[in-house]
Each structure stands twice: as structure tokens, then as C-alpha cells.
Amino acid sequence: MDKAELIFALHGKLCRVIRYHSRLYYVESTQEIQDDEWDNMLERLEELEAKYPMLMTPDSPTQLVDSGVCLDDNGHWRPGCEDRQYA
């Protein structure tokens, strides 16, 4: 893998892991990681998107008002949530 592919893969992984833990916390009222671990992942994602703006998408956890609770298990918008997807 070249550098661009590694950065893209890291971004995707951070997005998936943050969404997973957001769902656990906000929807299922449980957690597998400490709050500071989640904060660190989100901060790393924000840094990547600041350095590589082309990675930032409307469905990125950095752009969601509600920390992704409007996303289903596959990362798709739930009906009725479309108006809340931008920060």
C-alpha cells in the first residue's frame, strides 16, 4: 500500500470504529471504551480531515450533529434523519 491508500484506510477505520462506539453509547446505553479513547479517535479523525480535506464527507463522524445515532448498522441514514446530517 502506498501512503495515500494507508491514509484512506485509516480514515475509513476511524469512521467505522467511532460510529460503532457512538451507537453503543447513544443508542444502546453501553460502552466498550472509555470516553477519552473515543475523544482521541475523533480528534485523530479531525486532524486527518484537516490535513486531507478530500476525506471529509457529509457522513463523517466529524460532521454529524448527533454523533451518528441516525445511522443504521451499515452507516446508512435512517428515515427522517436526513435533515440532521450536517453540523
Protein backbone atom coordinates (compact mmCIF):
# COMPACT_ATOMS: atom_id res chain seq x y z
CA MET A 1 0.00 0.00 0.00
CA ASP A 2 1.20 3.47 -0.75
CA LYS A 3 0.82 6.42 1.63
CA ALA A 4 -2.47 7.63 0.12
CA GLU A 5 -4.03 4.18 0.46
CA LEU A 6 -2.88 3.91 4.08
CA ILE A 7 -4.34 7.32 4.94
CA PHE A 8 -7.62 6.45 3.21
CA ALA A 9 -7.77 3.11 5.07
CA LEU A 10 -7.04 4.78 8.42
CA HIS A 11 -9.78 7.33 7.80
CA GLY A 12 -12.29 4.61 6.96
CA LYS A 13 -11.36 2.58 10.01
CA LEU A 14 -11.64 5.58 12.34
CA CYS A 15 -15.08 6.42 10.91
CA ARG A 16 -16.33 2.84 11.35
CA VAL A 17 -14.98 2.48 14.89
CA ILE A 18 -16.31 5.88 16.01
CA ARG A 19 -19.76 5.09 14.55
CA TYR A 20 -19.77 1.70 16.28
CA HIS A 21 -18.91 3.14 19.67
CA SER A 22 -21.29 6.09 19.22
CA ARG A 23 -24.12 3.67 18.55
CA LEU A 24 -23.25 1.63 21.64
CA TYR A 25 -23.16 4.74 23.81
CA TYR A 26 -26.04 6.80 22.44
CA VAL A 27 -28.46 4.10 21.30
CA GLU A 28 -27.72 1.03 23.39
CA SER A 29 -26.66 2.88 26.58
CA THR A 30 -23.48 0.87 26.99
CA GLN A 31 -19.83 1.35 26.19
CA GLU A 32 -16.76 -0.76 25.48
CA ILE A 33 -14.19 2.04 25.64
CA GLN A 34 -13.59 5.00 27.92
CA ASP A 35 -14.73 8.47 26.88
CA ASP A 36 -11.16 9.70 26.44
CA GLU A 37 -10.44 6.90 23.94
CA TRP A 38 -13.45 7.98 21.87
CA ASP A 39 -12.37 11.61 22.13
CA ASN A 40 -8.85 10.70 20.97
CA MET A 41 -10.19 8.82 17.94
CA LEU A 42 -12.43 11.74 16.98
CA GLU A 43 -9.53 14.16 17.40
CA ARG A 44 -7.33 11.99 15.16
CA LEU A 45 -10.10 11.88 12.57
CA GLU A 46 -10.46 15.68 12.71
CA GLU A 47 -6.69 16.02 12.21
CA LEU A 48 -6.74 13.71 9.18
CA GLU A 49 -9.64 15.60 7.62
CA ALA A 50 -7.97 18.95 8.26
CA LYS A 51 -4.76 17.74 6.61
CA TYR A 52 -6.59 15.91 3.79
CA PRO A 53 -9.89 17.78 3.21
CA MET A 54 -10.86 15.45 0.37
CA LEU A 55 -11.54 12.78 3.02
CA MET A 56 -14.26 14.83 4.73
CA THR A 57 -17.71 13.69 3.69
CA PRO A 58 -21.18 14.69 4.96
CA ASP A 59 -21.48 11.36 6.79
CA SER A 60 -18.15 11.64 8.59
CA PRO A 61 -18.49 11.49 12.39
CA THR A 62 -16.85 14.93 12.47
CA GLN A 63 -19.81 16.38 10.55
CA LEU A 64 -22.71 14.82 12.44
CA VAL A 65 -24.75 16.79 14.92
CA ASP A 66 -25.98 13.73 16.81
CA SER A 67 -22.77 11.62 16.84
CA GLY A 68 -24.17 9.28 14.24
CA VAL A 69 -27.24 7.93 16.01
CA CYS A 70 -29.17 8.50 12.80
CA LEU A 71 -27.01 5.90 11.08
CA ASP A 72 -28.02 2.28 10.94
CA ASP A 73 -25.58 -0.60 11.40
CA ASN A 74 -24.41 -0.21 7.79
CA GLY A 75 -23.76 3.52 8.04
CA HIS A 76 -26.90 4.47 6.05
CA TRP A 77 -29.24 7.27 7.07
CA ARG A 78 -32.35 6.28 8.95
CA PRO A 79 -35.62 7.70 7.54
CA GLY A 80 -36.37 11.13 8.94
CA CYS A 81 -32.78 11.92 9.91
CA GLU A 82 -31.61 13.45 6.64
CA ASP A 83 -32.24 16.99 7.84
CA ARG A 84 -29.89 16.48 10.81
CA GLN A 85 -26.86 15.13 8.99
CA TYR A 86 -24.82 18.33 8.81
CA ALA A 87 -23.15 20.08 11.71
